[in-house]
Amino acid sequence: LLSSAHIPLSGRNPMLQEVLGIRPHVLVLNKMDLADPRRQPVSTKAGLAGGPLGTMVRHHECLCLRRAAVPALLCVSLQIVPLVAQLVGESPRYHRAETTEYSILVIGVPNVGKSSLINSLRRLHLRKGKATAVGGEPGVTKAVLTRIQVCEKPLMYLVDTPGVLPPKLGDVETGMKLALCGAIRDHLVGEDIMADYLLYTLNKQQQFRYVQRYGLAEACDDIEAVLKHVALAQGWTQKVKVLTGTGNVNVTTLNYSAAAYEFLRDFRAGRLGKVTLD
């Protein structure tokens, strides 16, 4: 079960948690280097929670992947295969086969790095190239794929799956958090609305790195003023036709849509600071 460290609670589909039940499973929190270290206990507790926060599950372990720290990433990645083998072996329901062969589903909400994790494990253990397509937006994996071998000893296959969201989100704020992390396509929510919520979250958590990055005099809660500085800094303009009494006139205005997209992209790349939305 893969989740983003930005949203350790909102990024977990409750329906998947119900399906897992007592089945052995490992929760992997991806992109820990982009999460706020001051709120790391939230992520850790989320990893140990099977249902409500703080409910311990016997067949459940949590690992944290850091994108930037390569030695730490290798260390954690090396733990995944033996940890899975241990969890399956300790469960009396799942180690009755004569041959030791593991088929593991990799599941989670869209765009949390499921395919990237499979490719990383394959490179690490088999020294082979990627076997499943990856992308920076949700919906790259559209169907359950064939088994992909990632290790020989023990023989282990991973199955890449499409990201799954619940049919109905619990509240609007959960949907906004998922959208900010790329689990929902930007245009379905609106880049300007997402940027406004992101600014609110940054100010609420006193994450003011955007002030220096975009050349603002001070922290601001007006998204239009922030996007104006972004557009001016990047030189993004667009020509708009304005109907006047003498005909159409082309007027050059700032491209706020492009500025909102840049604001979101800076957040996702960690250029606005380390932020945990939950």
C-alpha atoms as a PDB file:
ATOM      1  CA  LEU A   1       0.000   0.000   0.000  1.00  0.00           C
ATOM      2  CA  LEU A   2       1.713   3.165  -1.231  1.00  0.00           C
ATOM      3  CA  SER A   3       0.842   6.661  -0.009  1.00  0.00           C
ATOM      4  CA  SER A   4       2.325  10.157  -0.239  1.00  0.00           C
ATOM      5  CA  ALA A   5       3.965  11.615   2.877  1.00  0.00           C
ATOM      6  CA  HIS A   6       2.278  14.929   1.980  1.00  0.00           C
ATOM      7  CA  ILE A   7      -1.074  13.317   2.810  1.00  0.00           C
ATOM      8  CA  PRO A   8      -0.428  10.301   5.081  1.00  0.00           C
ATOM      9  CA  LEU A   9      -4.082  10.233   6.177  1.00  0.00           C
ATOM     10  CA  SER A  10      -6.053  11.748   3.272  1.00  0.00           C
ATOM     11  CA  GLY A  11      -4.023   9.726   0.775  1.00  0.00           C
ATOM     12  CA  ARG A  12      -5.325   6.380   1.986  1.00  0.00           C
ATOM     13  CA  ASN A  13      -8.456   4.993   0.403  1.00  0.00           C
ATOM     14  CA  PRO A  14     -10.616   3.699   3.301  1.00  0.00           C
ATOM     15  CA  MET A  15     -12.163   1.084   1.020  1.00  0.00           C
ATOM     16  CA  LEU A  16      -8.710  -0.387   0.362  1.00  0.00           C
ATOM     17  CA  GLN A  17      -8.064  -0.541   4.102  1.00  0.00           C
ATOM     18  CA  GLU A  18     -11.269  -2.550   4.552  1.00  0.00           C
ATOM     19  CA  VAL A  19     -10.318  -4.937   1.742  1.00  0.00           C
ATOM     20  CA  LEU A  20      -6.847  -5.507   3.206  1.00  0.00           C
ATOM     21  CA  GLY A  21      -8.255  -6.582   6.560  1.00  0.00           C
ATOM     22  CA  ILE A  22      -5.847  -9.008   8.205  1.00  0.00           C
ATOM     23  CA  ARG A  23      -3.931  -9.686   4.998  1.00  0.00           C
ATOM     24  CA  PRO A  24      -0.205  -9.004   5.394  1.00  0.00           C
ATOM     25  CA  HIS A  25       0.619  -5.598   3.945  1.00  0.00           C
ATOM     26  CA  VAL A  26       3.273  -2.904   4.092  1.00  0.00           C
ATOM     27  CA  LEU A  27       2.472   0.804   4.015  1.00  0.00           C
ATOM     28  CA  VAL A  28       5.163   2.732   2.145  1.00  0.00           C
ATOM     29  CA  LEU A  29       5.146   6.515   2.600  1.00  0.00           C
ATOM     30  CA  ASN A  30       6.748   8.018  -0.488  1.00  0.00           C
ATOM     31  CA  LYS A  31       8.522  11.408  -0.816  1.00  0.00           C
ATOM     32  CA  MET A  32       9.300  11.820   2.876  1.00  0.00           C
ATOM     33  CA  ASP A  33      11.945  14.397   1.910  1.00  0.00           C
ATOM     34  CA  LEU A  34       9.119  16.748   0.831  1.00  0.00           C
ATOM     35  CA  ALA A  35       7.124  16.351   4.062  1.00  0.00           C
ATOM     36  CA  ASP A  36       7.388  18.622   7.094  1.00  0.00           C
ATOM     37  CA  PRO A  37       9.716  16.927   9.631  1.00  0.00           C
ATOM     38  CA  ARG A  38       7.889  18.760  12.437  1.00  0.00           C
ATOM     39  CA  ARG A  39       4.744  16.798  11.517  1.00  0.00           C
ATOM     40  CA  GLN A  40       6.491  13.463  10.995  1.00  0.00           C
ATOM     41  CA  PRO A  41       4.716  11.843  13.999  1.00  0.00           C
ATOM     42  CA  VAL A  42       1.485  12.267  12.014  1.00  0.00           C
ATOM     43  CA  SER A  43       2.973  10.229   9.182  1.00  0.00           C
ATOM     44  CA  THR A  44       4.339   7.592  11.544  1.00  0.00           C
ATOM     45  CA  LYS A  45       1.017   7.147  13.319  1.00  0.00           C
ATOM     46  CA  ALA A  46      -0.735   6.949   9.969  1.00  0.00           C
ATOM     47  CA  GLY A  47       1.584   4.117   9.030  1.00  0.00           C
ATOM     48  CA  LEU A  48       0.616   2.180  12.129  1.00  0.00           C
ATOM     49  CA  ALA A  49      -3.090   2.831  11.890  1.00  0.00           C
ATOM     50  CA  GLY A  50      -5.240   0.121  10.420  1.00  0.00           C
ATOM     51  CA  GLY A  51      -8.503   1.924  11.001  1.00  0.00           C
ATOM     52  CA  PRO A  52      -8.788   4.975  13.254  1.00  0.00           C
ATOM     53  CA  LEU A  53      -5.562   6.772  14.102  1.00  0.00           C
ATOM     54  CA  GLY A  54      -3.610   4.788  16.661  1.00  0.00           C
ATOM     55  CA  THR A  55      -5.244   1.393  16.060  1.00  0.00           C
ATOM     56  CA  MET A  56      -2.416  -1.095  15.782  1.00  0.00           C
ATOM     57  CA  VAL A  57      -2.518  -3.913  13.206  1.00  0.00           C
ATOM     58  CA  ARG A  58      -0.448  -7.072  13.610  1.00  0.00           C
ATOM     59  CA  HIS A  59       0.128  -7.755   9.920  1.00  0.00           C
ATOM     60  CA  HIS A  60       0.982  -4.167   9.005  1.00  0.00           C
ATOM     61  CA  GLU A  61       4.392  -2.485   8.759  1.00  0.00           C
ATOM     62  CA  CYS A  62       5.368   1.032   7.679  1.00  0.00           C
ATOM     63  CA  LEU A  63       8.387   2.167   5.645  1.00  0.00           C
ATOM     64  CA  CYS A  64       9.296   5.714   4.612  1.00  0.00           C
ATOM     65  CA  LEU A  65      10.957   6.507   1.267  1.00  0.00           C
ATOM     66  CA  ARG A  66      12.982   9.682   0.824  1.00  0.00           C
ATOM     67  CA  ARG A  67      13.334  10.863  -2.740  1.00  0.00           C
ATOM     68  CA  ALA A  68      16.519  12.957  -2.393  1.00  0.00           C
ATOM     69  CA  ALA A  69      18.641  10.934   0.046  1.00  0.00           C
ATOM     70  CA  VAL A  70      19.921   8.103  -2.183  1.00  0.00           C
ATOM     71  CA  PRO A  71      21.645   6.038   0.587  1.00  0.00           C
ATOM     72  CA  ALA A  72      18.509   6.227   2.728  1.00  0.00           C
ATOM     73  CA  LEU A  73      16.351   5.281  -0.264  1.00  0.00           C
ATOM     74  CA  LEU A  74      18.490   2.226  -0.990  1.00  0.00           C
ATOM     75  CA  CYS A  75      18.441   1.244   2.673  1.00  0.00           C
ATOM     76  CA  VAL A  76      14.646   1.371   2.875  1.00  0.00           C
ATOM     77  CA  SER A  77      14.175  -0.284  -0.522  1.00  0.00           C
ATOM     78  CA  LEU A  78      16.353  -3.176   0.601  1.00  0.00           C
ATOM     79  CA  GLN A  79      14.021  -3.683   3.569  1.00  0.00           C
ATOM     80  CA  ILE A  80      10.881  -4.110   1.474  1.00  0.00           C
ATOM     81  CA  VAL A  81      11.528  -7.599   0.049  1.00  0.00           C
ATOM     82  CA  PRO A  82      12.613  -9.298   3.303  1.00  0.00           C
ATOM     83  CA  LEU A  83       9.852  -7.511   5.228  1.00  0.00           C
ATOM     84  CA  VAL A  84       7.196  -8.770   2.807  1.00  0.00           C
ATOM     85  CA  ALA A  85       8.618 -12.297   2.996  1.00  0.00           C
ATOM     86  CA  GLN A  86       8.592 -12.119   6.799  1.00  0.00           C
ATOM     87  CA  LEU A  87       4.992 -10.865   7.009  1.00  0.00           C
ATOM     88  CA  VAL A  88       3.738 -13.570   4.637  1.00  0.00           C
ATOM     89  CA  GLY A  89       5.739 -16.269   6.400  1.00  0.00           C
ATOM     90  CA  GLU A  90       4.375 -15.336   9.816  1.00  0.00           C
ATOM     91  CA  SER A  91       0.772 -15.531   8.598  1.00  0.00           C
ATOM     92  CA  PRO A  92      -0.591 -19.116   8.786  1.00  0.00           C
ATOM     93  CA  ARG A  93      -3.057 -18.410   5.958  1.00  0.00           C
ATOM     94  CA  TYR A  94      -0.544 -17.408   3.279  1.00  0.00           C
ATOM     95  CA  HIS A  95       2.490 -19.710   3.430  1.00  0.00           C
ATOM     96  CA  ARG A  96       0.996 -23.096   2.605  1.00  0.00           C
ATOM     97  CA  ALA A  97       2.374 -23.354  -0.927  1.00  0.00           C
ATOM     98  CA  GLU A  98       5.170 -25.855  -1.600  1.00  0.00           C
ATOM     99  CA  THR A  99       7.139 -23.375  -3.704  1.00  0.00           C
ATOM    100  CA  THR A 100       8.286 -20.092  -2.203  1.00  0.00           C
ATOM    101  CA  GLU A 101       6.926 -17.571  -4.671  1.00  0.00           C
ATOM    102  CA  TYR A 102       5.370 -14.241  -3.779  1.00  0.00           C
ATOM    103  CA  SER A 103       2.875 -12.258  -5.856  1.00  0.00           C
ATOM    104  CA  ILE A 104       2.319  -8.821  -4.330  1.00  0.00           C
ATOM    105  CA  LEU A 105      -0.202  -6.157  -5.364  1.00  0.00           C
ATOM    106  CA  VAL A 106       1.011  -2.552  -5.276  1.00  0.00           C
ATOM    107  CA  ILE A 107      -2.038  -0.396  -4.545  1.00  0.00           C
ATOM    108  CA  GLY A 108      -2.862   3.192  -3.598  1.00  0.00           C
ATOM    109  CA  VAL A 109      -4.520   6.363  -4.828  1.00  0.00           C
ATOM    110  CA  PRO A 110      -3.465   7.724  -8.265  1.00  0.00           C
ATOM    111  CA  ASN A 111      -0.062   9.276  -8.865  1.00  0.00           C
ATOM    112  CA  VAL A 112       1.722   8.299  -5.641  1.00  0.00           C
ATOM    113  CA  GLY A 113       4.596   6.466  -7.354  1.00  0.00           C
ATOM    114  CA  LYS A 114       3.460   2.828  -7.554  1.00  0.00           C
ATOM    115  CA  SER A 115       5.056   2.207 -10.953  1.00  0.00           C
ATOM    116  CA  SER A 116       8.217   4.071  -9.922  1.00  0.00           C
ATOM    117  CA  LEU A 117       8.547   1.891  -6.817  1.00  0.00           C
ATOM    118  CA  ILE A 118       8.275  -1.283  -8.897  1.00  0.00           C
ATOM    119  CA  ASN A 119      10.906  -0.052 -11.356  1.00  0.00           C
ATOM    120  CA  SER A 120      13.226   0.957  -8.489  1.00  0.00           C
ATOM    121  CA  LEU A 121      12.984  -2.468  -6.844  1.00  0.00           C
ATOM    122  CA  ARG A 122      13.575  -4.138 -10.207  1.00  0.00           C
ATOM    123  CA  ARG A 123      16.720  -2.047 -10.823  1.00  0.00           C
ATOM    124  CA  LEU A 124      17.950  -2.644  -7.277  1.00  0.00           C
ATOM    125  CA  HIS A 125      17.536  -6.425  -7.107  1.00  0.00           C
ATOM    126  CA  LEU A 126      17.752  -7.551 -10.753  1.00  0.00           C
ATOM    127  CA  ARG A 127      19.853  -4.740 -12.291  1.00  0.00           C
ATOM    128  CA  LYS A 128      17.263  -4.444 -15.073  1.00  0.00           C
ATOM    129  CA  GLY A 129      15.516  -1.475 -16.650  1.00  0.00           C
ATOM    130  CA  LYS A 130      11.999  -0.258 -16.049  1.00  0.00           C
ATOM    131  CA  ALA A 131       9.147  -2.617 -16.830  1.00  0.00           C
ATOM    132  CA  THR A 132       6.137  -0.337 -16.342  1.00  0.00           C
ATOM    133  CA  ALA A 133       5.384   3.153 -17.623  1.00  0.00           C
ATOM    134  CA  VAL A 134       5.534   6.123 -15.267  1.00  0.00           C
ATOM    135  CA  GLY A 135       4.319   9.719 -15.513  1.00  0.00           C
ATOM    136  CA  GLY A 136       3.774  12.896 -13.549  1.00  0.00           C
ATOM    137  CA  GLU A 137      -0.018  12.848 -13.732  1.00  0.00           C
ATOM    138  CA  PRO A 138      -2.710  10.385 -12.642  1.00  0.00           C
ATOM    139  CA  GLY A 139      -4.007   7.723 -15.004  1.00  0.00           C
ATOM    140  CA  VAL A 140      -0.772   6.511 -16.643  1.00  0.00           C
ATOM    141  CA  THR A 141      -1.489   2.944 -15.483  1.00  0.00           C
ATOM    142  CA  LYS A 142      -4.978   2.168 -16.796  1.00  0.00           C
ATOM    143  CA  ALA A 143      -5.361  -1.549 -16.034  1.00  0.00           C
ATOM    144  CA  VAL A 144      -3.984  -4.274 -13.800  1.00  0.00           C
ATOM    145  CA  LEU A 145      -0.777  -5.339 -15.508  1.00  0.00           C
ATOM    146  CA  THR A 146       0.976  -8.714 -15.694  1.00  0.00           C
ATOM    147  CA  ARG A 147       3.302  -9.828 -12.925  1.00  0.00           C
ATOM    148  CA  ILE A 148       6.687  -8.105 -12.920  1.00  0.00           C
ATOM    149  CA  GLN A 149       9.613  -9.931 -11.386  1.00  0.00           C
ATOM    150  CA  VAL A 150      11.592  -7.740  -8.976  1.00  0.00           C
ATOM    151  CA  CYS A 151      13.667 -10.299  -7.074  1.00  0.00           C
ATOM    152  CA  GLU A 152      15.082 -13.829  -7.526  1.00  0.00           C
ATOM    153  CA  LYS A 153      15.874 -14.860  -3.937  1.00  0.00           C
ATOM    154  CA  PRO A 154      13.153 -15.039  -2.788  1.00  0.00           C
ATOM    155  CA  LEU A 155      11.261 -15.213  -6.068  1.00  0.00           C
ATOM    156  CA  MET A 156       8.952 -12.203  -5.913  1.00  0.00           C
ATOM    157  CA  TYR A 157       6.593 -10.623  -8.413  1.00  0.00           C
ATOM    158  CA  LEU A 158       4.847  -7.284  -8.083  1.00  0.00           C
ATOM    159  CA  VAL A 159       1.616  -6.396  -9.886  1.00  0.00           C
ATOM    160  CA  ASP A 160       1.145  -2.762 -10.878  1.00  0.00           C
ATOM    161  CA  THR A 161      -2.424  -1.492 -10.526  1.00  0.00           C
ATOM    162  CA  PRO A 162      -4.273   1.714 -11.450  1.00  0.00           C
ATOM    163  CA  GLY A 163      -4.749   4.233  -8.673  1.00  0.00           C
ATOM    164  CA  VAL A 164      -8.128   3.912  -6.971  1.00  0.00           C
ATOM    165  CA  LEU A 165     -10.060   6.709  -5.259  1.00  0.00           C
ATOM    166  CA  PRO A 166     -13.226   6.132  -3.227  1.00  0.00           C
ATOM    167  CA  PRO A 167     -16.446   6.767  -5.214  1.00  0.00           C
ATOM    168  CA  LYS A 168     -17.284   9.636  -2.870  1.00  0.00           C
ATOM    169  CA  LEU A 169     -14.809  11.736  -0.903  1.00  0.00           C
ATOM    170  CA  GLY A 170     -15.581  12.448   2.722  1.00  0.00           C
ATOM    171  CA  ASP A 171     -15.258  16.230   2.444  1.00  0.00           C
ATOM    172  CA  VAL A 172     -14.080  18.992   0.136  1.00  0.00           C
ATOM    173  CA  GLU A 173     -10.809  19.525   2.001  1.00  0.00           C
ATOM    174  CA  THR A 174      -9.767  15.906   1.493  1.00  0.00           C
ATOM    175  CA  GLY A 175     -10.417  16.346  -2.225  1.00  0.00           C
ATOM    176  CA  MET A 176      -8.292  19.507  -2.299  1.00  0.00           C
ATOM    177  CA  LYS A 177      -5.388  17.726  -0.605  1.00  0.00           C
ATOM    178  CA  LEU A 178      -5.584  14.859  -3.081  1.00  0.00           C
ATOM    179  CA  ALA A 179      -5.680  17.315  -5.983  1.00  0.00           C
ATOM    180  CA  LEU A 180      -2.655  19.256  -4.695  1.00  0.00           C
ATOM    181  CA  CYS A 181      -0.671  16.018  -4.637  1.00  0.00           C
ATOM    182  CA  GLY A 182      -1.728  15.110  -8.182  1.00  0.00           C
ATOM    183  CA  ALA A 183      -4.166  12.303  -7.350  1.00  0.00           C
ATOM    184  CA  ILE A 184      -6.912  14.218  -9.195  1.00  0.00           C
ATOM    185  CA  ARG A 185      -6.288  15.948 -12.513  1.00  0.00           C
ATOM    186  CA  ASP A 186      -5.756  19.691 -12.101  1.00  0.00           C
ATOM    187  CA  HIS A 187      -8.326  20.803 -14.658  1.00  0.00           C
ATOM    188  CA  LEU A 188     -11.098  18.856 -12.920  1.00  0.00           C
ATOM    189  CA  VAL A 189     -10.707  21.047  -9.833  1.00  0.00           C
ATOM    190  CA  GLY A 190      -9.257  24.217 -11.350  1.00  0.00           C
ATOM    191  CA  GLU A 191      -5.679  25.424 -10.953  1.00  0.00           C
ATOM    192  CA  ASP A 192      -6.810  28.779  -9.533  1.00  0.00           C
ATOM    193  CA  ILE A 193      -8.933  27.119  -6.823  1.00  0.00           C
ATOM    194  CA  MET A 194      -6.122  24.734  -5.936  1.00  0.00           C
ATOM    195  CA  ALA A 195      -3.612  27.582  -5.773  1.00  0.00           C
ATOM    196  CA  ASP A 196      -5.908  29.519  -3.431  1.00  0.00           C
ATOM    197  CA  TYR A 197      -6.212  26.528  -1.086  1.00  0.00           C
ATOM    198  CA  LEU A 198      -2.447  25.951  -1.233  1.00  0.00           C
ATOM    199  CA  LEU A 199      -1.767  29.573  -0.240  1.00  0.00           C
ATOM    200  CA  TYR A 200      -4.210  29.216   2.666  1.00  0.00           C
ATOM    201  CA  THR A 201      -2.423  26.037   3.816  1.00  0.00           C
ATOM    202  CA  LEU A 202       1.061  27.575   3.565  1.00  0.00           C
ATOM    203  CA  ASN A 203       0.004  30.586   5.619  1.00  0.00           C
ATOM    204  CA  LYS A 204      -1.784  28.419   8.167  1.00  0.00           C
ATOM    205  CA  GLN A 205       1.359  26.334   8.716  1.00  0.00           C
ATOM    206  CA  GLN A 206       3.604  29.437   8.632  1.00  0.00           C
ATOM    207  CA  GLN A 207       5.451  28.219   5.571  1.00  0.00           C
ATOM    208  CA  PHE A 208       6.495  31.538   4.058  1.00  0.00           C
ATOM    209  CA  ARG A 209       9.186  30.501   1.589  1.00  0.00           C
ATOM    210  CA  TYR A 210       6.926  31.633  -1.256  1.00  0.00           C
ATOM    211  CA  VAL A 211       7.413  35.272  -0.100  1.00  0.00           C
ATOM    212  CA  GLN A 212      11.107  35.224  -0.982  1.00  0.00           C
ATOM    213  CA  ARG A 213      10.721  33.014  -4.042  1.00  0.00           C
ATOM    214  CA  TYR A 214       8.213  35.301  -5.744  1.00  0.00           C
ATOM    215  CA  GLY A 215       9.575  38.631  -4.490  1.00  0.00           C
ATOM    216  CA  LEU A 216       6.684  39.618  -2.240  1.00  0.00           C
ATOM    217  CA  ALA A 217       7.172  42.255   0.458  1.00  0.00           C
ATOM    218  CA  GLU A 218       5.433  40.113   3.081  1.00  0.00           C
ATOM    219  CA  ALA A 219       3.144  37.126   3.524  1.00  0.00           C
ATOM    220  CA  CYS A 220      -0.162  37.554   1.722  1.00  0.00           C
ATOM    221  CA  ASP A 221      -3.538  35.838   1.784  1.00  0.00           C
ATOM    222  CA  ASP A 222      -4.674  37.237  -1.571  1.00  0.00           C
ATOM    223  CA  ILE A 223      -4.022  34.608  -4.235  1.00  0.00           C
ATOM    224  CA  GLU A 224      -4.471  37.107  -7.062  1.00  0.00           C
ATOM    225  CA  ALA A 225      -1.645  39.274  -5.704  1.00  0.00           C
ATOM    226  CA  VAL A 226       0.636  36.238  -5.381  1.00  0.00           C
ATOM    227  CA  LEU A 227      -0.127  34.991  -8.892  1.00  0.00           C
ATOM    228  CA  LYS A 228       0.488  38.494 -10.228  1.00  0.00           C
ATOM    229  CA  HIS A 229       4.039  38.392  -8.840  1.00  0.00           C
ATOM    230  CA  VAL A 230       4.543  34.900 -10.265  1.00  0.00           C
ATOM    231  CA  ALA A 231       3.382  35.971 -13.726  1.00  0.00           C
ATOM    232  CA  LEU A 232       5.523  39.134 -13.664  1.00  0.00           C
ATOM    233  CA  ALA A 233       8.592  37.197 -12.540  1.00  0.00           C
ATOM    234  CA  GLN A 234       8.186  34.667 -15.367  1.00  0.00           C
ATOM    235  CA  GLY A 235       7.036  37.214 -17.963  1.00  0.00           C
ATOM    236  CA  TRP A 236       3.855  35.283 -18.698  1.00  0.00           C
ATOM    237  CA  THR A 237       1.296  37.285 -20.645  1.00  0.00           C
ATOM    238  CA  GLN A 238      -1.571  36.520 -22.999  1.00  0.00           C
ATOM    239  CA  LYS A 239      -3.499  38.465 -25.606  1.00  0.00           C
ATOM    240  CA  VAL A 240      -7.228  38.784 -25.030  1.00  0.00           C
ATOM    241  CA  LYS A 241      -9.787  40.185 -27.461  1.00  0.00           C
ATOM    242  CA  VAL A 242     -11.929  42.903 -25.936  1.00  0.00           C
ATOM    243  CA  LEU A 243     -15.126  44.023 -27.669  1.00  0.00           C
ATOM    244  CA  THR A 244     -15.392  47.827 -27.912  1.00  0.00           C
ATOM    245  CA  GLY A 245     -17.628  50.251 -29.767  1.00  0.00           C
ATOM    246  CA  THR A 246     -15.127  50.412 -32.629  1.00  0.00           C
ATOM    247  CA  GLY A 247     -14.518  46.663 -32.876  1.00  0.00           C
ATOM    248  CA  ASN A 248     -12.309  44.015 -31.300  1.00  0.00           C
ATOM    249  CA  VAL A 249      -9.115  45.194 -29.604  1.00  0.00           C
ATOM    250  CA  ASN A 250      -6.274  42.897 -28.562  1.00  0.00           C
ATOM    251  CA  VAL A 251      -5.252  43.594 -24.971  1.00  0.00           C
ATOM    252  CA  THR A 252      -2.186  42.046 -23.315  1.00  0.00           C
ATOM    253  CA  THR A 253      -2.879  40.763 -19.799  1.00  0.00           C
ATOM    254  CA  LEU A 254      -1.028  38.605 -17.275  1.00  0.00           C
ATOM    255  CA  ASN A 255      -1.511  34.864 -17.647  1.00  0.00           C
ATOM    256  CA  TYR A 256      -2.881  33.923 -14.241  1.00  0.00           C
ATOM    257  CA  SER A 257      -3.616  30.331 -15.264  1.00  0.00           C
ATOM    258  CA  ALA A 258       0.027  29.686 -16.104  1.00  0.00           C
ATOM    259  CA  ALA A 259       1.063  31.390 -12.852  1.00  0.00           C
ATOM    260  CA  ALA A 260      -1.283  29.134 -10.843  1.00  0.00           C
ATOM    261  CA  TYR A 261       0.148  26.056 -12.535  1.00  0.00           C
ATOM    262  CA  GLU A 262       3.695  27.213 -11.723  1.00  0.00           C
ATOM    263  CA  PHE A 263       2.677  27.789  -8.084  1.00  0.00           C
ATOM    264  CA  LEU A 264       1.379  24.215  -7.876  1.00  0.00           C
ATOM    265  CA  ARG A 265       4.437  22.809  -9.618  1.00  0.00           C
ATOM    266  CA  ASP A 266       6.780  24.597  -7.196  1.00  0.00           C
ATOM    267  CA  PHE A 267       4.892  23.064  -4.274  1.00  0.00           C
ATOM    268  CA  ARG A 268       5.058  19.544  -5.717  1.00  0.00           C
ATOM    269  CA  ALA A 269       8.800  19.903  -6.328  1.00  0.00           C
ATOM    270  CA  GLY A 270       9.438  21.073  -2.762  1.00  0.00           C
ATOM    271  CA  ARG A 271      10.526  24.583  -3.754  1.00  0.00           C
ATOM    272  CA  LEU A 272       8.009  26.175  -1.359  1.00  0.00           C
ATOM    273  CA  GLY A 273       9.279  24.274   1.670  1.00  0.00           C
ATOM    274  CA  LYS A 274       8.545  20.938   3.293  1.00  0.00           C
ATOM    275  CA  VAL A 275       4.806  20.678   3.800  1.00  0.00           C
ATOM    276  CA  THR A 276       2.523  17.991   5.228  1.00  0.00           C
ATOM    277  CA  LEU A 277      -1.100  18.759   4.379  1.00  0.00           C
ATOM    278  CA  ASP A 278      -2.675  16.445   7.002  1.00  0.00           C
END
